[in-house]
Amino acid sequence: MKQNVGKVDRIIRLILGVAAIGVGVAAQGTGLIVGAIVGVALIGTALTGRCLAYVPFGINTCSAK
């Protein structure tokens, strides 16, 4: 599967992913679980450059080459 997440989108996802994990750790309990899941998902898409949620909608934030 080719990448569909652009550079700016990846940076934003990485920052939000780290923030979500931080908020989850501070919240504890259910907040920890939710924060960890959301954070890992965002960081995963930032690192791989692929977002499965974009596929059905045909969204591609990569710059045209």
PDB file of N, CA and C in Angstrom:
ATOM      1  N   MET A   1       0.852  -1.176   0.000  1.00  0.00           N
ATOM      2  CA  MET A   1       0.000   0.000   0.000  1.00  0.00           C
ATOM      3  C   MET A   1       0.899   1.241   0.000  1.00  0.00           C
ATOM      4  N   LYS A   2       0.590   2.188  -0.860  1.00  0.00           N
ATOM      5  CA  LYS A   2       1.430   3.380  -0.940  1.00  0.00           C
ATOM      6  C   LYS A   2       1.014   4.404   0.118  1.00  0.00           C
ATOM      7  N   GLN A   3       1.899   5.339   0.369  1.00  0.00           N
ATOM      8  CA  GLN A   3       1.652   6.359   1.384  1.00  0.00           C
ATOM      9  C   GLN A   3       0.557   7.314   0.937  1.00  0.00           C
ATOM     10  N   ASN A   4      -0.251   7.756   1.899  1.00  0.00           N
ATOM     11  CA  ASN A   4      -1.297   8.731   1.607  1.00  0.00           C
ATOM     12  C   ASN A   4      -1.335   9.852   2.646  1.00  0.00           C
ATOM     13  N   VAL A   5      -0.299   9.936   3.475  1.00  0.00           N
ATOM     14  CA  VAL A   5      -0.217  10.970   4.503  1.00  0.00           C
ATOM     15  C   VAL A   5       1.012  11.824   4.211  1.00  0.00           C
ATOM     16  N   GLY A   6       0.798  13.123   4.023  1.00  0.00           N
ATOM     17  CA  GLY A   6       1.877  14.042   3.690  1.00  0.00           C
ATOM     18  C   GLY A   6       2.730  14.435   4.883  1.00  0.00           C
ATOM     19  N   LYS A   7       3.781  15.198   4.607  1.00  0.00           N
ATOM     20  CA  LYS A   7       4.769  15.569   5.624  1.00  0.00           C
ATOM     21  C   LYS A   7       4.151  16.371   6.766  1.00  0.00           C
ATOM     22  N   VAL A   8       3.392  17.402   6.447  1.00  0.00           N
ATOM     23  CA  VAL A   8       2.786  18.239   7.495  1.00  0.00           C
ATOM     24  C   VAL A   8       1.799  17.414   8.311  1.00  0.00           C
ATOM     25  N   ASP A   9       0.996  16.613   7.637  1.00  0.00           N
ATOM     26  CA  ASP A   9       0.027  15.737   8.297  1.00  0.00           C
ATOM     27  C   ASP A   9       0.741  14.773   9.245  1.00  0.00           C
ATOM     28  N   ARG A  10       1.863  14.232   8.824  1.00  0.00           N
ATOM     29  CA  ARG A  10       2.626  13.289   9.650  1.00  0.00           C
ATOM     30  C   ARG A  10       3.188  13.969  10.890  1.00  0.00           C
ATOM     31  N   ILE A  11       3.689  15.181  10.739  1.00  0.00           N
ATOM     32  CA  ILE A  11       4.235  15.915  11.885  1.00  0.00           C
ATOM     33  C   ILE A  11       3.137  16.208  12.899  1.00  0.00           C
ATOM     34  N   ILE A  12       1.980  16.646  12.410  1.00  0.00           N
ATOM     35  CA  ILE A  12       0.853  16.943  13.299  1.00  0.00           C
ATOM     36  C   ILE A  12       0.412  15.680  14.028  1.00  0.00           C
ATOM     37  N   ARG A  13       0.324  14.569  13.315  1.00  0.00           N
ATOM     38  CA  ARG A  13      -0.087  13.302  13.932  1.00  0.00           C
ATOM     39  C   ARG A  13       0.914  12.860  14.994  1.00  0.00           C
ATOM     40  N   LEU A  14       2.193  13.047  14.729  1.00  0.00           N
ATOM     41  CA  LEU A  14       3.219  12.659  15.695  1.00  0.00           C
ATOM     42  C   LEU A  14       3.094  13.479  16.975  1.00  0.00           C
ATOM     43  N   ILE A  15       2.933  14.782  16.827  1.00  0.00           N
ATOM     44  CA  ILE A  15       2.789  15.661  17.994  1.00  0.00           C
ATOM     45  C   ILE A  15       1.526  15.311  18.779  1.00  0.00           C
ATOM     46  N   LEU A  16       0.401  15.137  18.072  1.00  0.00           N
ATOM     47  CA  LEU A  16      -0.853  14.799  18.747  1.00  0.00           C
ATOM     48  C   LEU A  16      -0.793  13.417  19.392  1.00  0.00           C
ATOM     49  N   GLY A  17      -0.094  12.489  18.776  1.00  0.00           N
ATOM     50  CA  GLY A  17       0.052  11.150  19.346  1.00  0.00           C
ATOM     51  C   GLY A  17       0.814  11.164  20.652  1.00  0.00           C
ATOM     52  N   VAL A  18       1.914  11.898  20.684  1.00  0.00           N
ATOM     53  CA  VAL A  18       2.693  12.021  21.920  1.00  0.00           C
ATOM     54  C   VAL A  18       1.865  12.723  22.994  1.00  0.00           C
ATOM     55  N   ALA A  19       1.127  13.763  22.596  1.00  0.00           N
ATOM     56  CA  ALA A  19       0.275  14.483  23.544  1.00  0.00           C
ATOM     57  C   ALA A  19      -0.829  13.576  24.088  1.00  0.00           C
ATOM     58  N   ALA A  20      -1.432  12.760  23.233  1.00  0.00           N
ATOM     59  CA  ALA A  20      -2.499  11.853  23.674  1.00  0.00           C
ATOM     60  C   ALA A  20      -1.978  10.842  24.684  1.00  0.00           C
ATOM     61  N   ILE A  21      -0.793  10.326  24.452  1.00  0.00           N
ATOM     62  CA  ILE A  21      -0.206   9.388  25.409  1.00  0.00           C
ATOM     63  C   ILE A  21       0.095  10.107  26.723  1.00  0.00           C
ATOM     64  N   GLY A  22       0.611  11.324  26.649  1.00  0.00           N
ATOM     65  CA  GLY A  22       0.885  12.102  27.857  1.00  0.00           C
ATOM     66  C   GLY A  22      -0.368  12.383  28.661  1.00  0.00           C
ATOM     67  N   VAL A  23      -1.441  12.757  27.993  1.00  0.00           N
ATOM     68  CA  VAL A  23      -2.716  13.016  28.674  1.00  0.00           C
ATOM     69  C   VAL A  23      -3.249  11.722  29.280  1.00  0.00           C
ATOM     70  N   GLY A  24      -3.120  10.632  28.552  1.00  0.00           N
ATOM     71  CA  GLY A  24      -3.579   9.343  29.060  1.00  0.00           C
ATOM     72  C   GLY A  24      -2.842   8.919  30.309  1.00  0.00           C
ATOM     73  N   VAL A  25      -1.537   9.121  30.336  1.00  0.00           N
ATOM     74  CA  VAL A  25      -0.744   8.768  31.514  1.00  0.00           C
ATOM     75  C   VAL A  25      -1.154   9.632  32.705  1.00  0.00           C
ATOM     76  N   ALA A  26      -1.410  10.900  32.452  1.00  0.00           N
ATOM     77  CA  ALA A  26      -1.829  11.799  33.530  1.00  0.00           C
ATOM     78  C   ALA A  26      -3.228  11.451  34.033  1.00  0.00           C
ATOM     79  N   ALA A  27      -4.103  10.965  33.140  1.00  0.00           N
ATOM     80  CA  ALA A  27      -5.492  10.682  33.506  1.00  0.00           C
ATOM     81  C   ALA A  27      -5.624   9.387  34.295  1.00  0.00           C
ATOM     82  N   GLN A  28      -4.824   8.396  33.997  1.00  0.00           N
ATOM     83  CA  GLN A  28      -4.890   7.060  34.600  1.00  0.00           C
ATOM     84  C   GLN A  28      -6.215   6.376  34.279  1.00  0.00           C
ATOM     85  N   GLY A  29      -6.373   5.144  34.699  1.00  0.00           N
ATOM     86  CA  GLY A  29      -7.605   4.396  34.483  1.00  0.00           C
ATOM     87  C   GLY A  29      -7.974   4.264  33.018  1.00  0.00           C
ATOM     88  N   THR A  30      -9.248   4.521  32.724  1.00  0.00           N
ATOM     89  CA  THR A  30      -9.762   4.422  31.360  1.00  0.00           C
ATOM     90  C   THR A  30      -9.083   5.438  30.446  1.00  0.00           C
ATOM     91  N   GLY A  31      -8.788   6.616  30.979  1.00  0.00           N
ATOM     92  CA  GLY A  31      -8.103   7.645  30.195  1.00  0.00           C
ATOM     93  C   GLY A  31      -6.746   7.174  29.710  1.00  0.00           C
ATOM     94  N   LEU A  32      -6.078   6.381  30.523  1.00  0.00           N
ATOM     95  CA  LEU A  32      -4.776   5.835  30.138  1.00  0.00           C
ATOM     96  C   LEU A  32      -4.929   4.908  28.938  1.00  0.00           C
ATOM     97  N   ILE A  33      -5.931   4.052  28.982  1.00  0.00           N
ATOM     98  CA  ILE A  33      -6.158   3.105  27.882  1.00  0.00           C
ATOM     99  C   ILE A  33      -6.528   3.844  26.602  1.00  0.00           C
ATOM    100  N   VAL A  34      -7.464   4.780  26.703  1.00  0.00           N
ATOM    101  CA  VAL A  34      -7.902   5.542  25.528  1.00  0.00           C
ATOM    102  C   VAL A  34      -6.743   6.369  24.973  1.00  0.00           C
ATOM    103  N   GLY A  35      -6.022   7.054  25.845  1.00  0.00           N
ATOM    104  CA  GLY A  35      -4.883   7.863  25.415  1.00  0.00           C
ATOM    105  C   GLY A  35      -3.814   7.032  24.733  1.00  0.00           C
ATOM    106  N   ALA A  36      -3.556   5.848  25.279  1.00  0.00           N
ATOM    107  CA  ALA A  36      -2.543   4.969  24.693  1.00  0.00           C
ATOM    108  C   ALA A  36      -2.976   4.481  23.311  1.00  0.00           C
ATOM    109  N   ILE A  37      -4.231   4.077  23.177  1.00  0.00           N
ATOM    110  CA  ILE A  37      -4.720   3.575  21.887  1.00  0.00           C
ATOM    111  C   ILE A  37      -4.695   4.676  20.831  1.00  0.00           C
ATOM    112  N   VAL A  38      -5.219   5.841  21.177  1.00  0.00           N
ATOM    113  CA  VAL A  38      -5.242   6.965  20.230  1.00  0.00           C
ATOM    114  C   VAL A  38      -3.815   7.398  19.892  1.00  0.00           C
ATOM    115  N   GLY A  39      -2.978   7.509  20.912  1.00  0.00           N
ATOM    116  CA  GLY A  39      -1.598   7.927  20.700  1.00  0.00           C
ATOM    117  C   GLY A  39      -0.818   6.979  19.811  1.00  0.00           C
ATOM    118  N   VAL A  40      -0.946   5.687  20.068  1.00  0.00           N
ATOM    119  CA  VAL A  40      -0.234   4.691  19.262  1.00  0.00           C
ATOM    120  C   VAL A  40      -0.742   4.704  17.820  1.00  0.00           C
ATOM    121  N   ALA A  41      -2.051   4.856  17.639  1.00  0.00           N
ATOM    122  CA  ALA A  41      -2.611   4.908  16.281  1.00  0.00           C
ATOM    123  C   ALA A  41      -2.072   6.120  15.522  1.00  0.00           C
ATOM    124  N   LEU A  42      -2.049   7.274  16.172  1.00  0.00           N
ATOM    125  CA  LEU A  42      -1.552   8.485  15.512  1.00  0.00           C
ATOM    126  C   LEU A  42      -0.059   8.387  15.204  1.00  0.00           C
ATOM    127  N   ILE A  43       0.709   7.894  16.155  1.00  0.00           N
ATOM    128  CA  ILE A  43       2.150   7.753  15.937  1.00  0.00           C
ATOM    129  C   ILE A  43       2.415   6.715  14.848  1.00  0.00           C
ATOM    130  N   GLY A  44       1.640   5.642  14.844  1.00  0.00           N
ATOM    131  CA  GLY A  44       1.795   4.609  13.808  1.00  0.00           C
ATOM    132  C   GLY A  44       1.563   5.149  12.412  1.00  0.00           C
ATOM    133  N   THR A  45       0.499   5.943  12.248  1.00  0.00           N
ATOM    134  CA  THR A  45       0.236   6.508  10.921  1.00  0.00           C
ATOM    135  C   THR A  45       1.288   7.549  10.553  1.00  0.00           C
ATOM    136  N   ALA A  46       1.805   8.259  11.548  1.00  0.00           N
ATOM    137  CA  ALA A  46       2.856   9.246  11.275  1.00  0.00           C
ATOM    138  C   ALA A  46       4.134   8.557  10.805  1.00  0.00           C
ATOM    139  N   LEU A  47       4.476   7.442  11.424  1.00  0.00           N
ATOM    140  CA  LEU A  47       5.714   6.752  11.074  1.00  0.00           C
ATOM    141  C   LEU A  47       5.613   5.986   9.753  1.00  0.00           C
ATOM    142  N   THR A  48       4.452   5.413   9.470  1.00  0.00           N
ATOM    143  CA  THR A  48       4.305   4.630   8.235  1.00  0.00           C
ATOM    144  C   THR A  48       3.896   5.482   7.039  1.00  0.00           C
ATOM    145  N   GLY A  49       3.231   6.612   7.297  1.00  0.00           N
ATOM    146  CA  GLY A  49       2.756   7.456   6.200  1.00  0.00           C
ATOM    147  C   GLY A  49       1.497   6.925   5.553  1.00  0.00           C
ATOM    148  N   ARG A  50       0.830   5.988   6.218  1.00  0.00           N
ATOM    149  CA  ARG A  50      -0.403   5.390   5.687  1.00  0.00           C
ATOM    150  C   ARG A  50      -1.529   5.551   6.690  1.00  0.00           C
ATOM    151  N   CYS A  51      -2.680   5.975   6.207  1.00  0.00           N
ATOM    152  CA  CYS A  51      -3.869   6.097   7.047  1.00  0.00           C
ATOM    153  C   CYS A  51      -4.993   5.305   6.387  1.00  0.00           C
ATOM    154  N   LEU A  52      -5.412   4.233   7.039  1.00  0.00           N
ATOM    155  CA  LEU A  52      -6.462   3.388   6.470  1.00  0.00           C
ATOM    156  C   LEU A  52      -7.803   4.104   6.417  1.00  0.00           C
ATOM    157  N   ALA A  53      -8.026   5.078   7.291  1.00  0.00           N
ATOM    158  CA  ALA A  53      -9.283   5.837   7.273  1.00  0.00           C
ATOM    159  C   ALA A  53      -9.375   6.733   6.037  1.00  0.00           C
ATOM    160  N   TYR A  54      -8.251   7.104   5.453  1.00  0.00           N
ATOM    161  CA  TYR A  54      -8.239   7.945   4.255  1.00  0.00           C
ATOM    162  C   TYR A  54      -8.632   7.165   3.001  1.00  0.00           C
ATOM    163  N   VAL A  55      -8.364   5.862   2.981  1.00  0.00           N
ATOM    164  CA  VAL A  55      -8.537   5.045   1.771  1.00  0.00           C
ATOM    165  C   VAL A  55      -9.960   5.081   1.217  1.00  0.00           C
ATOM    166  N   PRO A  56     -11.016   4.815   2.012  1.00  0.00           N
ATOM    167  CA  PRO A  56     -12.370   4.793   1.434  1.00  0.00           C
ATOM    168  C   PRO A  56     -12.810   6.136   0.854  1.00  0.00           C
ATOM    169  N   PHE A  57     -12.232   7.215   1.362  1.00  0.00           N
ATOM    170  CA  PHE A  57     -12.613   8.552   0.913  1.00  0.00           C
ATOM    171  C   PHE A  57     -11.700   9.088  -0.184  1.00  0.00           C
ATOM    172  N   GLY A  58     -10.650   8.355  -0.513  1.00  0.00           N
ATOM    173  CA  GLY A  58      -9.723   8.772  -1.559  1.00  0.00           C
ATOM    174  C   GLY A  58      -8.877   9.974  -1.169  1.00  0.00           C
ATOM    175  N   ILE A  59      -8.680  10.175   0.124  1.00  0.00           N
ATOM    176  CA  ILE A  59      -7.899  11.316   0.602  1.00  0.00           C
ATOM    177  C   ILE A  59      -6.414  10.984   0.495  1.00  0.00           C
ATOM    178  N   ASN A  60      -5.639  11.946   0.017  1.00  0.00           N
ATOM    179  CA  ASN A  60      -4.199  11.798  -0.096  1.00  0.00           C
ATOM    180  C   ASN A  60      -3.580  13.164   0.165  1.00  0.00           C
ATOM    181  N   THR A  61      -2.876  13.303   1.290  1.00  0.00           N
ATOM    182  CA  THR A  61      -2.275  14.589   1.633  1.00  0.00           C
ATOM    183  C   THR A  61      -0.809  14.671   1.219  1.00  0.00           C
ATOM    184  N   CYS A  62      -0.326  13.655   0.503  1.00  0.00           N
ATOM    185  CA  CYS A  62       1.042  13.703  -0.021  1.00  0.00           C
ATOM    186  C   CYS A  62       1.101  14.730  -1.144  1.00  0.00           C
ATOM    187  N   SER A  63       2.213  15.435  -1.221  1.00  0.00           N
ATOM    188  CA  SER A  63       2.365  16.414  -2.295  1.00  0.00           C
ATOM    189  C   SER A  63       2.552  15.688  -3.621  1.00  0.00           C
ATOM    190  N   ALA A  64       2.043  16.284  -4.676  1.00  0.00           N
ATOM    191  CA  ALA A  64       2.154  15.695  -6.015  1.00  0.00           C
ATOM    192  C   ALA A  64       3.593  15.775  -6.496  1.00  0.00           C
ATOM    193  N   LYS A  65       4.065  14.700  -7.123  1.00  0.00           N
ATOM    194  CA  LYS A  65       5.445  14.683  -7.623  1.00  0.00           C
ATOM    195  C   LYS A  65       5.446  14.590  -9.117  1.00  0.00           C
TER     196      LYS A  65
END
